[in-house]
Structures are given as structure tokens and as C-alpha cells.
Amino acid sequence: MSVVGTSPHRLEDARLLTGHGRFVEDRIPSEALAMALVRSPYAHADIVSVDIDAAQSAPGVRLVLTGPDLKADGVKPMPCHTPQTSFDGTPFYAPDRHVLAVDRVRFAGEPVVAVIADTLAQALDAAELVDIDYQDQPHCVSAALSTDVAFELRFGDPERVAHAFEHAAYTVSVSGVVNNRLIVNPIETRTYLASYDTTRERYTLLTGSQGVHILQDWIAPTLDLDPSQLHIVTEDVGGSFAVKLMAYPEQTLALYAARRTAQPVAWVSTRGESHLSDAHGRDHVSAARLALDPEGRILALEAETRGALGAYASAVGPGTTGPGFAKVLGHNYHVPAMTLSVKGVYTNTAPTDAYRGAGKPEAIYLVERLMEKAAREVGPKLGLDRVAFKRRNLIPESAMPHRHGNGLIYDSGDFESALDAALEAADWTGFSARRAASEAKGLRRGIAVCPGLHATGGFPAERSRMALTPEGRITIKTGVQASGQGHETALAQIAATRLQIPIDRIDVIEGDTDLIHTGGGTGGSSSLPIAATTIDRATQALIEDGKQKAAEVLEASAGDIDYGDGAFSVIGTDRKITLPELADHLEQHDTPGCVGGADFEGQHQTIPHSAHVCEVGLDPETGRVTIAAYISADDLGVKVNPKIADGQIHGGVAQGIGQAWLEHTVYDPDSGQLLSGSLMDYALPRADDLPFFTQRDVSVPTEANPLGVKGVGELGTNTGLAPFVLAVYDALGLVDPKGLEMPLTPEKIWRAARNKG
């Protein structure tokens, strides 16, 4: 009995859809104090003085905190966990990021004072009484203009690339390619509940996260704690997309305040605070060029990018900007040689960090812009249309396993079959008729096809433990963390298939450093490649332990015990005992239940891939775009739960289209103020903006892990930017428009259509 490959109703949905979710706000007790923050109104300024006297004496106020006070009491700056040493040996440069600014603020929204009071209203009222004198300093909010360099990296083989360009038959370049800054906006904002046990001198933090062990390791140093002194719990999480992966000042502040007041302290971010202070995503300006041989095949790729880190080096921001961008450069194409130069620069804006894809959408978008231009400029000279040009440069299946110019080894992938499946589903050959019909109505129509892939990553420090409970159920303890992906169902399907029992008899436990002592969390599309394969091995270990215990009950040797259909049996006889019966027997005899455990081992990286087609209609009189069709052909390896897997693609594509079309983070260059500070000013895609997605399955199991699974979470976003943009360019009849960069808002499109005449 295998439930892998089926799509049962998600086990978590009944709880979540009936209002029984366990989110942080649901856990805030009535006696909890509330924390409010005074944030800097300046993008860059020296702090001349801070007067908190009036706030301290306000009704209900228990504690008012300033940066100098915390520093004097031993609270440490927040560390960056992916520092990058420059290519020439220059050490990584990063200003100290204090949980409350000490002598200088570096972005509008940086916390300066924390007020803790009996109620949120009292905390907010008291915060208004804080008087801070600032001395304004020059600021910069643009990655392109910043001269404040944190690091400079170089990848690749410059001599080989230079030789290729010297002997190229054709060269093509793009410049000023913008990958716009994004505000992540999960449904549930960041929320923290902190408490302190004075008897045990131990802290507890209830928080949304993508892994409690990561946060335990990252927050503890700010309070000069051994990680064991900090208990972190994550229950249900209302979305993350990496924004809840990293540590934030408010977590340390709430914990510190809980110790000082000896009461629980809660902080719930408003949507406005979320826009100001959450880690933002993307924010690159890039250029690239191709060297091609006489037949239009790639000889070399040269790329450069400047990525804004924001005001501080966030936990994995530099790693996203540098190695994350480099990881899939060139993606599905055969690129014999490449070079990449990356500058990470500081700007007076909210820090940036990983966001769904974490550098890969930025790199794939840049190369697809370049390949589309090459296909339109060079392709016709060789008698190749856009599809034929891209097809000619895809890595053939016969070349697998393939060492790419970006340094990765692709274990498998039939990129051409994915391209063909997407083109067929899109009726690519019938597009000219659809375009003519649109033009007859005074409208325009465009289409584009783009391949893409992901090199999954994550943190392989995973340990899974399983146990047979006295009630005859199976518990799985794992260090990964769901934020909406359906772990309770998909991971149960893995164990249920191995144990041959219904999935509703399996409980998946995540998110508690006291219950699960090791775990790498969820990130880099890693839950299945890392956690599921570890759970599969832990299940086998539980079965072996069960054979030993069943042998005693059945009065046989363990070597004569077989397992199947949820029961242990003596080979060659009809004697057997089911898992619930064995659990009951062990409980009656006060014997520990069956257990099994495993640490992750093996290859955790997988290479899922896609080909996407986007077709758009466009009204030149209004700039309004309609997505007529969106098709993806996806190789996800073994699909544990096809519906969940397909949903991950849908969500990822929606976020890609959102970035390409609507989402626009705007800082005023003159004042440094965030102008898109609410959902009145920041447009997210709605259901009526998007079409029904069409998917074609071209999945082939990977040999990188025993289950044949590939990580899916970020693939849709990685590939989802370029098809929309290039389809709009096609509708406008533009090849490489200068200044028409993401997001392609109606106003930009309207202006481009007018300028086109």
C-alpha cells in the first residue's frame, strides 16, 4: 500500500480551516506585557540625545529601553552568518547592527527605543513621549549609486572567457537590468511571545520561524547565552518565504524585557512595521554579455551584478547576494565558460535577505533577458526563431551528468522534453493567429518561453526520530518547519508508505528545541530531499526495532519476523501482531515502545527544472495587461503529493508574476522614506490578476536520494519572472527596451506603447 504519489486531503487543513490553528497571537496570555518601538524617521542620522523620562513615568509603563543601556548591560550586536571575504582578500565589512540603535541610525524604521507596558495602547502612548534629537546625515537608497561596499566576489575563468569573446562570431549584451526590491508580506506578520523562568534562568520564545534550531543558534549570542538556555517553539506559521528564517532585533528585545520584568512580553508587528522592518528581497542591478560561435552556440557568459544589502548585513543576505546569485547562473544552457562579478553594497534601506529563490530568480532573469535578445538579434541571421535558438543551447539529456560552467554537477534533466511539453500545451504554433485576432481589435499580444531550474540547498543538520505510542500511533519528530507547505501530510505519506498504515495514524511534530534536539530547518527547497529521506531511514530503523520486540511477543527469533501491512508476523505461519496490538502489549508490560532514528546523510542537492510559457494581451490605450495563459512543464522527480507539489509551483509562479508586474518597493531618493509603506501603496497580485495555470508533468526520479524526490518550493519563482516580462516586450515589439524594467506597471507599459507610436 503506497500513498506516495497520491493527493489525500491535507491532515492540517481541518485544524486550520476551522479556526483551530496554533499561531503565536493565539498563545498570548492575558498577563503578557506589550512592547512598542520608537523607530527612526531618518534614513541616516547621528543620535544626539534620547530623552525617555516622560515615557518612563507614563501610565502602565514597566520598562523603557535604549541602545546604550542594552550595550552597557552586555547585549551584543546581531551577527551576520554569511560574511563574504572579497576576491582580493579584503575582509568583509559590516557595521554593527545593535538591537536598538546606539549612536547612529542607518534606515528609516530602525528601532531606537523600546517601551514595555501593561497594554499595547499604553506602550504606544508612552512611545509618543520619547524625545530624540537627530543630526541628519547624507543617505543613499540605490544599489546602482551606492559606494559603500561590503564585499566584491569574482567567480569563473576570466582567461577562458576573454579568449572566447576574442574569437566569437557574435556578441550580445544587456545592461541596467533591474531586479526590483520586494516586501515579502506573508499573511501572518512577525509576532513574538517571550518569557523568562527565574528559577531555571532560562528563556522561552514562541515565534513563527522556518527552523527553531537556527534561531536558537542565531539569537542566543545577542544575549550572551549558551543555546541551551534559550527554548524556542514554533507552532503554526502563516507564511514565510524566508522572511521568518532569520533573527530580528524584536526577538532579542522581547526576551530581554521578559527577564527584566519577570513577565511574558509580546510584540505583534503591524503591517506598516512589517513593510519598514522585515527583511526585503532582491534589489539588484545587473549586466551581462554572451559570446556565440558561428552557429549561435554559447561560447562564454560574462555577468556582473550589484546587490543592495540594505543598511546592515542580515543573517544570510550576503550569501544570497553573492554565492546564491552565482549558483545557477546559466541554468539550463550549455555554457562552457563564465565569469561573474558581484558587489554587495550598503544602502540606507531595510536590510535584504533570502526571499523565495534566494539569488536564483535574479540570475535566471538576467540570463533570460540576454538569451531573448540574442535569439532576436542573432537567431534570424542563422535562420533560427526564438525557440530554435534556445533549444540549440540547452544542455542535452545525453550530456547528463553534466558539470556546468557555474560549477554545479547536474545529475539529470531532459530540458528539451520540458520545452516541448510547454510549447505543445501553449499551442505555440497557433499564436500568430491569436495575435492577429487581437490586433484586429486594436490590442496587442505577446508570448515568451523560458527554461529554468533550481539547485536546492538547505541545512543538512537534520535528525529525525520516530516512535510507536501507547495508543498505537506513530510520532515523527523532525527539525524542518512548515510555514504552509503541508509537511504534516507529505512527511506522513513517506512513513505511511513504508509502514503500510493510514496517514491519519501518524503525527508529525516540528518546532520545539526541547523535543527535537537537532535540525536544520526549512530553506532552499530542502524539506523532501533532506527531511523526507531521513524520515524514510528512521522508519526502517523503527521497523527493525519493532521486529526485536515483536519477536519476544510472538516467541520467535528476530530473524524470523517479517513486517508488512502494518503488522509483524512469523515467516511461514499465521502468527502476527499489529502495530496497535504491539503498542498495547508494550504498555501493559511497561516496556518502551518501538523507536527509530536517523541523521541525514548523502547528497542533499537536487536539480528540479521547468520550461514556462506566458502569453499576454495588452491594451496600449491603458497599459492594462491580461495574462491569457501561463504554462509550466515541470520535472519534480517523485511527487510525494502531486496536489501539494503543483500548488507549490502555482504559488511560486504567482510570486514571480507579482514581482514582474505589480510589486514595487519605493524609497524616496531625497528623504530616504519608504513610500510603499502599506498595502494601499504596494500592489500584490490578486486572484483575478492570474489565470488558471496549466501544468505538464515531465518528472523523472533523481538518483541523488533514495526516494527520487526533488525540491519544489522555489522552482516556480526562479523561472516565473522572465516569461511575463519577455511576453510584454514581445507584445510591444521591443527587444531590449532601455528603462522598461520590472515591475511592468500599467503606467510604464502605457508610456512604452505611446513612445513606440
Foldseek 3Di string as FASTA:
>chain_A
DFLFVAFDPFPCCVCVVVVNFDAPVVVDDLQAKEKDFDWAQFLKWWWPDKDLVQLCPFPFWDDKDFQVVLVVVPQAFFDAADFDQAPVRHGFDWDTHTLADDTMARATLRTGMMIIGRDPVSNVVSSVVMDIDIGHDDFFAALVPFPFFRYKYKDWDVVQQVVLQVPFPDKFKEFQFWQFKFQADQVFFWKWKKAADPVVRAIEIETAELFPVQALVRLQVSVPHDSVRYKYFYTAARDDQPLRHFDHSVRNVQHVVNVVRNRMYMYGDDLLSSLQATAMAWRKTKMKMFGAHPLLETAEIEMEMGTEQEAGNTHCAVVLQPVLQLQQQVPFFAHPTYMYMYTYRYGSGHGHARGQSSNLLVRQQNVLLRLLLCQVPVVVVNVHHSVRSVVVGGDAQVCAQDQGNSGDGARGDHQVVQVVVQCVVVVVVCVVVVQVVQVVVVWFKFKDKGKHKAWFDFDQFKKKKWWQALQLAIEIEIRADDNPLSCLQLLLSLLCRVLVHDSVSYGYDYGICVVGVIHGGDDRLQCCLRVSLFSNQQSVQLVLQVLCLVCVVQVHHSVQWDHDNQWIAGPPDPDIAGSNRSSNVCVVVVHGTGMGMGRTDFFRIHMKMKMKMWMWMANLQQLDIATPAIEMEIAFWRRSRVVSLVVLLVVLLQVLLQWQAFAHFDADRVRSDTPCSHCVRGPGDDPVRDDPYHYHYPYHFGPRGPVSGHRRNRRNNSGNNNRVVNRLCRRLVHSRDPPCHPRNYSVNSNVSNVVSD
